Amino acid sequence: MDSLVIELDDRLKIRLGVLAARSRKPLSEWAAEQLGHLAIAADAGPVGNYSTEWLAAFGSICDPSFVAPARPMPSGVPALDAQ
């Protein structure tokens, strides 16, 4: 099994810890599970990028000429230097 080390600032660690606690899991286990969900969504292709509401409204269109618009993943934001 491989390891991944992520350095979290105190604020993010608290926020993620709360989310993990809601699932009644240790932070490391919860984070690994969330990364697994992200990997599955990435493998699902463009459908994984659309919300459930969008798919309910437009994902059931049976018109063969309909083409879903491209929806690129959001770009990353560099960390801010708070010093």
PDB file of N, CA and C in Angstrom:
ATOM      1  N   MET A   1       0.842  -1.170   0.000  1.00  0.00           N
ATOM      2  CA  MET A   1       0.000   0.000   0.000  1.00  0.00           C
ATOM      3  C   MET A   1       0.892   1.239   0.000  1.00  0.00           C
ATOM      4  N   ASP A   2       0.561   2.204  -0.840  1.00  0.00           N
ATOM      5  CA  ASP A   2       1.326   3.445  -0.920  1.00  0.00           C
ATOM      6  C   ASP A   2       0.856   4.432   0.131  1.00  0.00           C
ATOM      7  N   SER A   3       1.710   5.407   0.389  1.00  0.00           N
ATOM      8  CA  SER A   3       1.383   6.462   1.353  1.00  0.00           C
ATOM      9  C   SER A   3       1.372   7.798   0.644  1.00  0.00           C
ATOM     10  N   LEU A   4       0.552   8.696   1.162  1.00  0.00           N
ATOM     11  CA  LEU A   4       0.484  10.068   0.670  1.00  0.00           C
ATOM     12  C   LEU A   4       0.525  10.971   1.887  1.00  0.00           C
ATOM     13  N   VAL A   5       1.451  11.906   1.886  1.00  0.00           N
ATOM     14  CA  VAL A   5       1.590  12.828   3.011  1.00  0.00           C
ATOM     15  C   VAL A   5       1.082  14.185   2.550  1.00  0.00           C
ATOM     16  N   ILE A   6       0.124  14.723   3.289  1.00  0.00           N
ATOM     17  CA  ILE A   6      -0.452  16.029   2.970  1.00  0.00           C
ATOM     18  C   ILE A   6      -0.276  16.925   4.184  1.00  0.00           C
ATOM     19  N   GLU A   7       0.315  18.078   3.965  1.00  0.00           N
ATOM     20  CA  GLU A   7       0.470  19.042   5.049  1.00  0.00           C
ATOM     21  C   GLU A   7      -0.729  19.983   5.033  1.00  0.00           C
ATOM     22  N   LEU A   8      -1.439  20.045   6.149  1.00  0.00           N
ATOM     23  CA  LEU A   8      -2.632  20.883   6.272  1.00  0.00           C
ATOM     24  C   LEU A   8      -2.359  22.014   7.240  1.00  0.00           C
ATOM     25  N   ASP A   9      -2.856  23.205   6.906  1.00  0.00           N
ATOM     26  CA  ASP A   9      -2.761  24.265   7.896  1.00  0.00           C
ATOM     27  C   ASP A   9      -3.799  23.975   8.982  1.00  0.00           C
ATOM     28  N   ASP A  10      -3.683  24.637  10.121  1.00  0.00           N
ATOM     29  CA  ASP A  10      -4.548  24.334  11.264  1.00  0.00           C
ATOM     30  C   ASP A  10      -6.025  24.492  10.941  1.00  0.00           C
ATOM     31  N   ARG A  11      -6.359  25.539  10.211  1.00  0.00           N
ATOM     32  CA  ARG A  11      -7.769  25.807   9.895  1.00  0.00           C
ATOM     33  C   ARG A  11      -8.355  24.696   9.023  1.00  0.00           C
ATOM     34  N   LEU A  12      -7.625  24.289   7.980  1.00  0.00           N
ATOM     35  CA  LEU A  12      -8.103  23.228   7.104  1.00  0.00           C
ATOM     36  C   LEU A  12      -8.185  21.904   7.848  1.00  0.00           C
ATOM     37  N   LYS A  13      -7.214  21.645   8.719  1.00  0.00           N
ATOM     38  CA  LYS A  13      -7.223  20.400   9.488  1.00  0.00           C
ATOM     39  C   LYS A  13      -8.469  20.324  10.364  1.00  0.00           C
ATOM     40  N   ILE A  14      -8.848  21.436  10.966  1.00  0.00           N
ATOM     41  CA  ILE A  14     -10.045  21.457  11.811  1.00  0.00           C
ATOM     42  C   ILE A  14     -11.293  21.216  10.971  1.00  0.00           C
ATOM     43  N   ARG A  15     -11.380  21.910   9.838  1.00  0.00           N
ATOM     44  CA  ARG A  15     -12.561  21.769   8.980  1.00  0.00           C
ATOM     45  C   ARG A  15     -12.703  20.346   8.451  1.00  0.00           C
ATOM     46  N   LEU A  16     -11.600  19.761   7.990  1.00  0.00           N
ATOM     47  CA  LEU A  16     -11.650  18.387   7.498  1.00  0.00           C
ATOM     48  C   LEU A  16     -11.900  17.399   8.626  1.00  0.00           C
ATOM     49  N   GLY A  17     -11.350  17.696   9.809  1.00  0.00           N
ATOM     50  CA  GLY A  17     -11.591  16.844  10.972  1.00  0.00           C
ATOM     51  C   GLY A  17     -13.064  16.790  11.333  1.00  0.00           C
ATOM     52  N   VAL A  18     -13.751  17.922  11.202  1.00  0.00           N
ATOM     53  CA  VAL A  18     -15.196  17.963  11.480  1.00  0.00           C
ATOM     54  C   VAL A  18     -15.946  17.094  10.475  1.00  0.00           C
ATOM     55  N   LEU A  19     -15.578  17.202   9.214  1.00  0.00           N
ATOM     56  CA  LEU A  19     -16.234  16.377   8.194  1.00  0.00           C
ATOM     57  C   LEU A  19     -15.981  14.892   8.427  1.00  0.00           C
ATOM     58  N   ALA A  20     -14.764  14.549   8.805  1.00  0.00           N
ATOM     59  CA  ALA A  20     -14.447  13.152   9.088  1.00  0.00           C
ATOM     60  C   ALA A  20     -15.226  12.657  10.301  1.00  0.00           C
ATOM     61  N   ALA A  21     -15.354  13.515  11.315  1.00  0.00           N
ATOM     62  CA  ALA A  21     -16.085  13.135  12.524  1.00  0.00           C
ATOM     63  C   ALA A  21     -17.556  12.868  12.220  1.00  0.00           C
ATOM     64  N   ARG A  22     -18.115  13.617  11.282  1.00  0.00           N
ATOM     65  CA  ARG A  22     -19.511  13.389  10.896  1.00  0.00           C
ATOM     66  C   ARG A  22     -19.688  11.994  10.310  1.00  0.00           C
ATOM     67  N   SER A  23     -18.654  11.490   9.666  1.00  0.00           N
ATOM     68  CA  SER A  23     -18.695  10.143   9.100  1.00  0.00           C
ATOM     69  C   SER A  23     -18.228   9.095  10.101  1.00  0.00           C
ATOM     70  N   ARG A  24     -17.846   9.571  11.292  1.00  0.00           N
ATOM     71  CA  ARG A  24     -17.351   8.686  12.360  1.00  0.00           C
ATOM     72  C   ARG A  24     -16.143   7.869  11.906  1.00  0.00           C
ATOM     73  N   LYS A  25     -15.230   8.602  11.241  1.00  0.00           N
ATOM     74  CA  LYS A  25     -14.015   7.956  10.753  1.00  0.00           C
ATOM     75  C   LYS A  25     -12.829   8.831  11.112  1.00  0.00           C
ATOM     76  N   PRO A  26     -11.650   8.222  11.278  1.00  0.00           N
ATOM     77  CA  PRO A  26     -10.437   9.030  11.461  1.00  0.00           C
ATOM     78  C   PRO A  26     -10.186   9.852  10.200  1.00  0.00           C
ATOM     79  N   LEU A  27      -9.547  10.993  10.374  1.00  0.00           N
ATOM     80  CA  LEU A  27      -9.306  11.893   9.252  1.00  0.00           C
ATOM     81  C   LEU A  27      -8.579  11.187   8.108  1.00  0.00           C
ATOM     82  N   SER A  28      -7.569  10.397   8.422  1.00  0.00           N
ATOM     83  CA  SER A  28      -6.798   9.737   7.352  1.00  0.00           C
ATOM     84  C   SER A  28      -7.670   8.772   6.545  1.00  0.00           C
ATOM     85  N   GLU A  29      -8.525   8.016   7.223  1.00  0.00           N
ATOM     86  CA  GLU A  29      -9.409   7.069   6.538  1.00  0.00           C
ATOM     87  C   GLU A  29     -10.439   7.815   5.700  1.00  0.00           C
ATOM     88  N   TRP A  30     -11.007   8.874   6.274  1.00  0.00           N
ATOM     89  CA  TRP A  30     -12.003   9.676   5.562  1.00  0.00           C
ATOM     90  C   TRP A  30     -11.394  10.314   4.319  1.00  0.00           C
ATOM     91  N   ALA A  31     -10.178  10.870   4.445  1.00  0.00           N
ATOM     92  CA  ALA A  31      -9.518  11.528   3.320  1.00  0.00           C
ATOM     93  C   ALA A  31      -9.228  10.525   2.198  1.00  0.00           C
ATOM     94  N   ALA A  32      -8.782   9.333   2.549  1.00  0.00           N
ATOM     95  CA  ALA A  32      -8.510   8.307   1.536  1.00  0.00           C
ATOM     96  C   ALA A  32      -9.803   7.942   0.796  1.00  0.00           C
ATOM     97  N   GLU A  33     -10.897   7.850   1.541  1.00  0.00           N
ATOM     98  CA  GLU A  33     -12.194   7.545   0.935  1.00  0.00           C
ATOM     99  C   GLU A  33     -12.617   8.655  -0.032  1.00  0.00           C
ATOM    100  N   GLN A  34     -12.435   9.906   0.379  1.00  0.00           N
ATOM    101  CA  GLN A  34     -12.811  11.043  -0.469  1.00  0.00           C
ATOM    102  C   GLN A  34     -11.962  11.075  -1.737  1.00  0.00           C
ATOM    103  N   LEU A  35     -10.666  10.784  -1.620  1.00  0.00           N
ATOM    104  CA  LEU A  35      -9.810  10.734  -2.802  1.00  0.00           C
ATOM    105  C   LEU A  35     -10.248   9.613  -3.743  1.00  0.00           C
ATOM    106  N   GLY A  36     -10.693   8.507  -3.173  1.00  0.00           N
ATOM    107  CA  GLY A  36     -11.223   7.414  -3.997  1.00  0.00           C
ATOM    108  C   GLY A  36     -12.452   7.852  -4.768  1.00  0.00           C
ATOM    109  N   HIS A  37     -13.342   8.612  -4.108  1.00  0.00           N
ATOM    110  CA  HIS A  37     -14.534   9.123  -4.790  1.00  0.00           C
ATOM    111  C   HIS A  37     -14.145  10.058  -5.934  1.00  0.00           C
ATOM    112  N   LEU A  38     -13.142  10.904  -5.707  1.00  0.00           N
ATOM    113  CA  LEU A  38     -12.681  11.816  -6.755  1.00  0.00           C
ATOM    114  C   LEU A  38     -12.123  11.048  -7.951  1.00  0.00           C
ATOM    115  N   ALA A  39     -11.388   9.983  -7.673  1.00  0.00           N
ATOM    116  CA  ALA A  39     -10.804   9.181  -8.752  1.00  0.00           C
ATOM    117  C   ALA A  39     -11.907   8.503  -9.567  1.00  0.00           C
ATOM    118  N   ILE A  40     -12.919   7.992  -8.895  1.00  0.00           N
ATOM    119  CA  ILE A  40     -14.041   7.356  -9.590  1.00  0.00           C
ATOM    120  C   ILE A  40     -14.763   8.379 -10.449  1.00  0.00           C
ATOM    121  N   ALA A  41     -14.996   9.582  -9.904  1.00  0.00           N
ATOM    122  CA  ALA A  41     -15.676  10.633 -10.659  1.00  0.00           C
ATOM    123  C   ALA A  41     -14.861  11.034 -11.882  1.00  0.00           C
ATOM    124  N   ALA A  42     -13.545  11.089 -11.746  1.00  0.00           N
ATOM    125  CA  ALA A  42     -12.691  11.452 -12.885  1.00  0.00           C
ATOM    126  C   ALA A  42     -12.769  10.396 -13.977  1.00  0.00           C
ATOM    127  N   ASP A  43     -12.868   9.127 -13.576  1.00  0.00           N
ATOM    128  CA  ASP A  43     -12.975   8.041 -14.549  1.00  0.00           C
ATOM    129  C   ASP A  43     -14.325   8.030 -15.247  1.00  0.00           C
ATOM    130  N   ALA A  44     -15.338   8.621 -14.605  1.00  0.00           N
ATOM    131  CA  ALA A  44     -16.685   8.617 -15.174  1.00  0.00           C
ATOM    132  C   ALA A  44     -16.792   9.545 -16.378  1.00  0.00           C
ATOM    133  N   GLY A  45     -15.810  10.399 -16.569  1.00  0.00           N
ATOM    134  CA  GLY A  45     -15.819  11.301 -17.719  1.00  0.00           C
ATOM    135  C   GLY A  45     -16.661  12.538 -17.461  1.00  0.00           C
ATOM    136  N   PRO A  46     -17.100  13.192 -18.539  1.00  0.00           N
ATOM    137  CA  PRO A  46     -17.803  14.473 -18.409  1.00  0.00           C
ATOM    138  C   PRO A  46     -19.070  14.402 -17.560  1.00  0.00           C
ATOM    139  N   VAL A  47     -19.746  13.267 -17.556  1.00  0.00           N
ATOM    140  CA  VAL A  47     -20.970  13.165 -16.764  1.00  0.00           C
ATOM    141  C   VAL A  47     -20.667  13.412 -15.299  1.00  0.00           C
ATOM    142  N   GLY A  48     -19.487  13.003 -14.832  1.00  0.00           N
ATOM    143  CA  GLY A  48     -19.109  13.203 -13.446  1.00  0.00           C
ATOM    144  C   GLY A  48     -18.917  14.662 -13.074  1.00  0.00           C
ATOM    145  N   ASN A  49     -18.781  15.539 -14.062  1.00  0.00           N
ATOM    146  CA  ASN A  49     -18.575  16.956 -13.804  1.00  0.00           C
ATOM    147  C   ASN A  49     -19.873  17.729 -13.655  1.00  0.00           C
ATOM    148  N   TYR A  50     -20.994  17.119 -13.960  1.00  0.00           N
ATOM    149  CA  TYR A  50     -22.270  17.815 -13.900  1.00  0.00           C
ATOM    150  C   TYR A  50     -23.007  17.468 -12.608  1.00  0.00           C
ATOM    151  N   SER A  51     -23.725  18.439 -12.089  1.00  0.00           N
ATOM    152  CA  SER A  51     -24.467  18.220 -10.854  1.00  0.00           C
ATOM    153  C   SER A  51     -25.669  17.312 -11.104  1.00  0.00           C
ATOM    154  N   THR A  52     -26.210  16.774 -10.043  1.00  0.00           N
ATOM    155  CA  THR A  52     -27.397  15.925 -10.134  1.00  0.00           C
ATOM    156  C   THR A  52     -28.562  16.704 -10.722  1.00  0.00           C
ATOM    157  N   GLU A  53     -28.669  17.974 -10.333  1.00  0.00           N
ATOM    158  CA  GLU A  53     -29.763  18.809 -10.845  1.00  0.00           C
ATOM    159  C   GLU A  53     -29.643  18.999 -12.351  1.00  0.00           C
ATOM    160  N   TRP A  54     -28.418  19.239 -12.827  1.00  0.00           N
ATOM    161  CA  TRP A  54     -28.212  19.434 -14.265  1.00  0.00           C
ATOM    162  C   TRP A  54     -28.575  18.160 -15.010  1.00  0.00           C
ATOM    163  N   LEU A  55     -28.118  17.023 -14.495  1.00  0.00           N
ATOM    164  CA  LEU A  55     -28.423  15.756 -15.167  1.00  0.00           C
ATOM    165  C   LEU A  55     -29.916  15.471 -15.182  1.00  0.00           C
ATOM    166  N   ALA A  56     -30.618  15.834 -14.095  1.00  0.00           N
ATOM    167  CA  ALA A  56     -32.066  15.625 -14.051  1.00  0.00           C
ATOM    168  C   ALA A  56     -32.761  16.490 -15.101  1.00  0.00           C
ATOM    169  N   ALA A  57     -32.271  17.714 -15.296  1.00  0.00           N
ATOM    170  CA  ALA A  57     -32.898  18.627 -16.247  1.00  0.00           C
ATOM    171  C   ALA A  57     -32.497  18.341 -17.692  1.00  0.00           C
ATOM    172  N   PHE A  58     -31.230  18.050 -17.920  1.00  0.00           N
ATOM    173  CA  PHE A  58     -30.736  17.928 -19.288  1.00  0.00           C
ATOM    174  C   PHE A  58     -30.155  16.558 -19.625  1.00  0.00           C
ATOM    175  N   GLY A  59     -29.843  15.777 -18.630  1.00  0.00           N
ATOM    176  CA  GLY A  59     -29.186  14.497 -18.879  1.00  0.00           C
ATOM    177  C   GLY A  59     -30.089  13.436 -19.455  1.00  0.00           C
ATOM    178  N   SER A  60     -31.401  13.683 -19.454  1.00  0.00           N
ATOM    179  CA  SER A  60     -32.320  12.680 -19.962  1.00  0.00           C
ATOM    180  C   SER A  60     -32.865  13.035 -21.340  1.00  0.00           C
ATOM    181  N   ILE A  61     -32.282  14.027 -21.995  1.00  0.00           N
ATOM    182  CA  ILE A  61     -32.741  14.420 -23.322  1.00  0.00           C
ATOM    183  C   ILE A  61     -32.425  13.291 -24.299  1.00  0.00           C
ATOM    184  N   CYS A  62     -33.430  12.865 -25.037  1.00  0.00           N
ATOM    185  CA  CYS A  62     -33.270  11.730 -25.956  1.00  0.00           C
ATOM    186  C   CYS A  62     -32.982  12.172 -27.387  1.00  0.00           C
ATOM    187  N   ASP A  63     -32.757  13.448 -27.610  1.00  0.00           N
ATOM    188  CA  ASP A  63     -32.463  13.974 -28.936  1.00  0.00           C
ATOM    189  C   ASP A  63     -31.023  13.624 -29.297  1.00  0.00           C
ATOM    190  N   PRO A  64     -30.808  12.826 -30.352  1.00  0.00           N
ATOM    191  CA  PRO A  64     -29.434  12.425 -30.689  1.00  0.00           C
ATOM    192  C   PRO A  64     -28.553  13.594 -31.140  1.00  0.00           C
ATOM    193  N   SER A  65     -29.149  14.722 -31.496  1.00  0.00           N
ATOM    194  CA  SER A  65     -28.339  15.858 -31.918  1.00  0.00           C
ATOM    195  C   SER A  65     -27.869  16.698 -30.733  1.00  0.00           C
ATOM    196  N   PHE A  66     -28.386  16.407 -29.536  1.00  0.00           N
ATOM    197  CA  PHE A  66     -27.996  17.176 -28.352  1.00  0.00           C
ATOM    198  C   PHE A  66     -26.579  16.815 -27.948  1.00  0.00           C
ATOM    199  N   VAL A  67     -25.754  17.843 -27.735  1.00  0.00           N
ATOM    200  CA  VAL A  67     -24.383  17.649 -27.278  1.00  0.00           C
ATOM    201  C   VAL A  67     -24.210  18.460 -25.995  1.00  0.00           C
ATOM    202  N   ALA A  68     -23.810  17.805 -24.930  1.00  0.00           N
ATOM    203  CA  ALA A  68     -23.603  18.499 -23.655  1.00  0.00           C
ATOM    204  C   ALA A  68     -22.465  19.493 -23.798  1.00  0.00           C
ATOM    205  N   PRO A  69     -22.626  20.694 -23.246  1.00  0.00           N
ATOM    206  CA  PRO A  69     -21.544  21.679 -23.332  1.00  0.00           C
ATOM    207  C   PRO A  69     -20.338  21.239 -22.506  1.00  0.00           C
ATOM    208  N   ALA A  70     -19.173  21.644 -22.951  1.00  0.00           N
ATOM    209  CA  ALA A  70     -17.946  21.320 -22.224  1.00  0.00           C
ATOM    210  C   ALA A  70     -17.945  22.052 -20.898  1.00  0.00           C
ATOM    211  N   ARG A  71     -17.497  21.390 -19.873  1.00  0.00           N
ATOM    212  CA  ARG A  71     -17.410  21.992 -18.548  1.00  0.00           C
ATOM    213  C   ARG A  71     -16.072  21.613 -17.951  1.00  0.00           C
ATOM    214  N   PRO A  72     -15.054  22.436 -18.180  1.00  0.00           N
ATOM    215  CA  PRO A  72     -13.717  22.081 -17.683  1.00  0.00           C
ATOM    216  C   PRO A  72     -13.662  22.128 -16.163  1.00  0.00           C
ATOM    217  N   MET A  73     -12.726  21.384 -15.628  1.00  0.00           N
ATOM    218  CA  MET A  73     -12.516  21.394 -14.180  1.00  0.00           C
ATOM    219  C   MET A  73     -11.982  22.764 -13.783  1.00  0.00           C
ATOM    220  N   PRO A  74     -12.334  23.250 -12.575  1.00  0.00           N
ATOM    221  CA  PRO A  74     -11.838  24.556 -12.147  1.00  0.00           C
ATOM    222  C   PRO A  74     -10.318  24.531 -11.980  1.00  0.00           C
ATOM    223  N   SER A  75      -9.713  25.663 -12.237  1.00  0.00           N
ATOM    224  CA  SER A  75      -8.260  25.739 -12.090  1.00  0.00           C
ATOM    225  C   SER A  75      -7.879  25.845 -10.625  1.00  0.00           C
ATOM    226  N   GLY A  76      -6.700  25.415 -10.311  1.00  0.00           N
ATOM    227  CA  GLY A  76      -6.211  25.468  -8.930  1.00  0.00           C
ATOM    228  C   GLY A  76      -5.905  26.889  -8.493  1.00  0.00           C
ATOM    229  N   VAL A  77      -5.890  27.082  -7.208  1.00  0.00           N
ATOM    230  CA  VAL A  77      -5.571  28.389  -6.620  1.00  0.00           C
ATOM    231  C   VAL A  77      -4.333  28.203  -5.757  1.00  0.00           C
ATOM    232  N   PRO A  78      -3.274  28.988  -6.025  1.00  0.00           N
ATOM    233  CA  PRO A  78      -2.067  28.836  -5.215  1.00  0.00           C
ATOM    234  C   PRO A  78      -2.323  29.284  -3.772  1.00  0.00           C
ATOM    235  N   ALA A  79      -1.623  28.674  -2.852  1.00  0.00           N
ATOM    236  CA  ALA A  79      -1.764  29.017  -1.440  1.00  0.00           C
ATOM    237  C   ALA A  79      -1.314  30.451  -1.205  1.00  0.00           C
ATOM    238  N   LEU A  80      -1.968  31.112  -0.276  1.00  0.00           N
ATOM    239  CA  LEU A  80      -1.615  32.481   0.062  1.00  0.00           C
ATOM    240  C   LEU A  80      -0.557  32.465   1.153  1.00  0.00           C
ATOM    241  N   ASP A  81       0.382  33.374   1.066  1.00  0.00           N
ATOM    242  CA  ASP A  81       1.397  33.497   2.097  1.00  0.00           C
ATOM    243  C   ASP A  81       0.884  34.490   3.132  1.00  0.00           C
ATOM    244  N   ALA A  82       0.485  34.018   4.286  1.00  0.00           N
ATOM    245  CA  ALA A  82      -0.147  34.863   5.304  1.00  0.00           C
ATOM    246  C   ALA A  82       0.881  35.595   6.176  1.00  0.00           C
ATOM    247  N   GLN A  83       2.136  35.435   5.903  1.00  0.00           N
ATOM    248  CA  GLN A  83       3.139  36.056   6.751  1.00  0.00           C
ATOM    249  C   GLN A  83       3.394  37.481   6.364  1.00  0.00           C
TER     250      GLN A  83
END
